Amino acid sequence: MDVFKLNFLVVGLYLTILLSLSKADTCGVSQFCFRSPNDCFPASECTYFVGWSPSNTEGAIDFELSMSGTSGYIALGFSKDRNMANSDIIACLSDKKILRYYASSRAAPTRQTDVGLSNEATTIAGGTITCSFTRQLGLVGETNYFDLNEPHFLILAKGMRQDESIYQHTSNSRYSSDDSYDFKSETPVTQGSAQGTLVTEESAQETPVTQGSAQGTPVTLASQPRQSTTERRTNTPKSTEKSSEDPCGESQSCLRAPLNCYPASSCTYFVGWSLSQNRDELDFEFTLSGNNGYVALGFSKNGEMSNSDIIACLSSGQLSRHYAISRATPEMQDDVGVSSEKVEVVDGTIKCSFTRQLSNAGFQNFFNLSQDHFIILAKGDSNGQSITQHSQSARYASANSLDFKSAPVSVGGSEDDNFDVKIKAHGSLMVIGWIGFVSIGIVTARYLKDFLPRKTICGKPFWFRFHAMCMITAWLSFMSSFILIFITLEGWVGKSRGDDTYYHAIIGTAAVGLGTLNPIMAIFRPHPGTPRRPIFNVLHFAVGFLGWLCAIVATFYGVRIYYNTTGNVTDIDAFNVLIGFTIFIVIMFVVFELHKLSTRKKETSTDNIALDSITDTPFEEHRNRPTQRMQEQIVGSAAVRNIMYFLYVIGVTLTVVYLVITIVIKDS
């Protein structure tokens, strides 16, 4: 029995040792490693992991590569200067292919022959791609095949792909070594030495970490995760910092907002262009976010939509040419002079690229881009191959005309960059003023006059001061909104911007006019008890109420304009919320009126009670004194009224908050 137990313990200990060895970190033991976080193991637990060791095949190296958070591709590149331009790249695709590429610039790499690679294997689990392969150190006579007998930097990237084409990665999914590395080195690496010390390119504050032992023993080279673009720009305005990988002004010209935004997906809009090698064509790419209908790039001689040559990219993947005679919907043109079209849609953002001839004299309305032109951008809904008119808030333009044949430049857009912000501010201020403060002010003046009857503020009843405060705040809100939109649109809008915008402008202006007239009337109101006071009361209520109704109708049109611009589901919700709000206020007004009528009947018996002029109490004629039960009914009726008023204010406040949030977050 004792022998059996001893054997059992020995076997258990042996299995435990084997299990622990199977989970042991091989970095610094049997392979060199470049990874993050520090000491992560196995590779699937790392943000990125590269391991390499001499292969059993002479003159070759075995590589292992793993990166998390992608379903497109991961790539390992060898660079002579740590930049993507001029780098030899091996990409592991999500369809388990391992292919070679070469990056001649910072654009998407080009496909190469798969020479010098063997023993390829790829696994995918939980969005992490892990691959391994054997690579020949060098191949004589093979173009763009870097000889790893010489030191090289390591660069890593991940991104999306289509078939065997890999798209350019974003700036926050790229990592690189701090120094070049000799892959043939068997000399132990000491801490602080340049050769073989690998860190991410953003790790300027880090101390390189290396571990060395006897001669010929590999080392583990650790680094910290690369910070994202947003994190690195916390204290620097986005519009003033230029990414190290930004091609604008170097290999291509760009028009974008905010200034220096990169990559294109982080921009409100982005247009990049460069001359083709034969210098008679332009390669364009442009990106516009927040729409699933179409995005359009136009060339204009004066910065206006009228008389502009337009190329539209539809979310269905089609590209079409149009010509705008006026501000109405552009007319379809023949698709001439345009080639290499490509349209992508990712998370509501349409990215479009194409090659366009500089000029084509044989076709009408085909502008000659050898001459300077403005760039205009727009987005909207599409219907098959046709495009609908965009709203003014979905249009952008260059501040000046551009020379498309000049050396690469990087410029920001015009003042229209803030157009969308101004439109949101206009809508928010109108909702706060009319739907919020006016709605509460009207009900306060009509139904709350006997609330705190003995409470006065500066000699005036509490209800009057609260009503005046609501109306003054509302006037400041909607008047500033009106001035803002008038300046932003540079004057009055006509029917060329669409019927909804036209009617919204007319009805909204009527609301602002009535809302301004009413406080002017209040300043010159007759004194209480004078013959004209009842006339003023009726007119004051009628003008204010009519202006309020006009504002609600204009708000419906405003929501409809937003919905037609982007088709965002939150706009449909906002439309339903407005319908619900309208039903709510109608019901509340009916209930308030019925309650007021009921209260008047209960108070009729006390209306003619003779009061002492000093004590405000009835004389001794007790036959007209209200009973205790009648007094309790009056007090209870006031409490019910106050509760209804409180519920009304809550309903109005929730409506305003929802609508403002919807306006602010739209297309953000």
Foldseek 3Di string as FASTA:
>chain_A
DVVVVVVVVVVVVVVVVVVVVVFDDCDLAAWEKEFPDPPDDDQARTQKMWIWHDDPDPQKIKIKIKHADAQAKKKKWWAAPFDLALIWIWIQGNVRDIFIFGHNALFFTHGDDRPQKDPWGWDDDPRMIMIMIMGGQDDPPGPSTDRLQDWTKIKMFDDHADDPTGGRGFPLGMWIFPATERNPDQAWDDFPDRHPAGETPQVPVDGWDWDGDDGRGHIYTYYYRDDGPCVVCVPPDQLPDADPSDCFLPQWAKEFPPHRDDDQVVTQKMKIWDADPVRQKIKIKMKHAQAQAKKKKWWAAPFDLAFIWIWIAGNVFDIFIFGHNHLFFTHTDDPPQKAPWTWDADPRMIMIIIMGGQDDVVDPSTDRLQDWTKMKMFAFHADVPGGHRAALLGMWIAPDTDNRSDRGHYYYTDPSSCVLVLLLLLLLLLLCQQLALLLLLLCLVPQVCCPPVVDADPRHDPSVVSSVVSLVSSLVSNVVSVVSVCVSVVHQDDCSNPPLVNLLRVLLVLLNVLSVVLVVLVVVADDPPDPCNVVSVVVSSVSSVSSSVSSLVSSLSVLVSVCRNHVDVLSVVLNVLSVVLVVVSVVLVVVSVVLVVVLCVLCVLVPPFDADPPPRHGDPPCVSPDDPVSVVVNVVSVVVSVVSSVVNNVSSVVSSVSVSVSSVPRSD
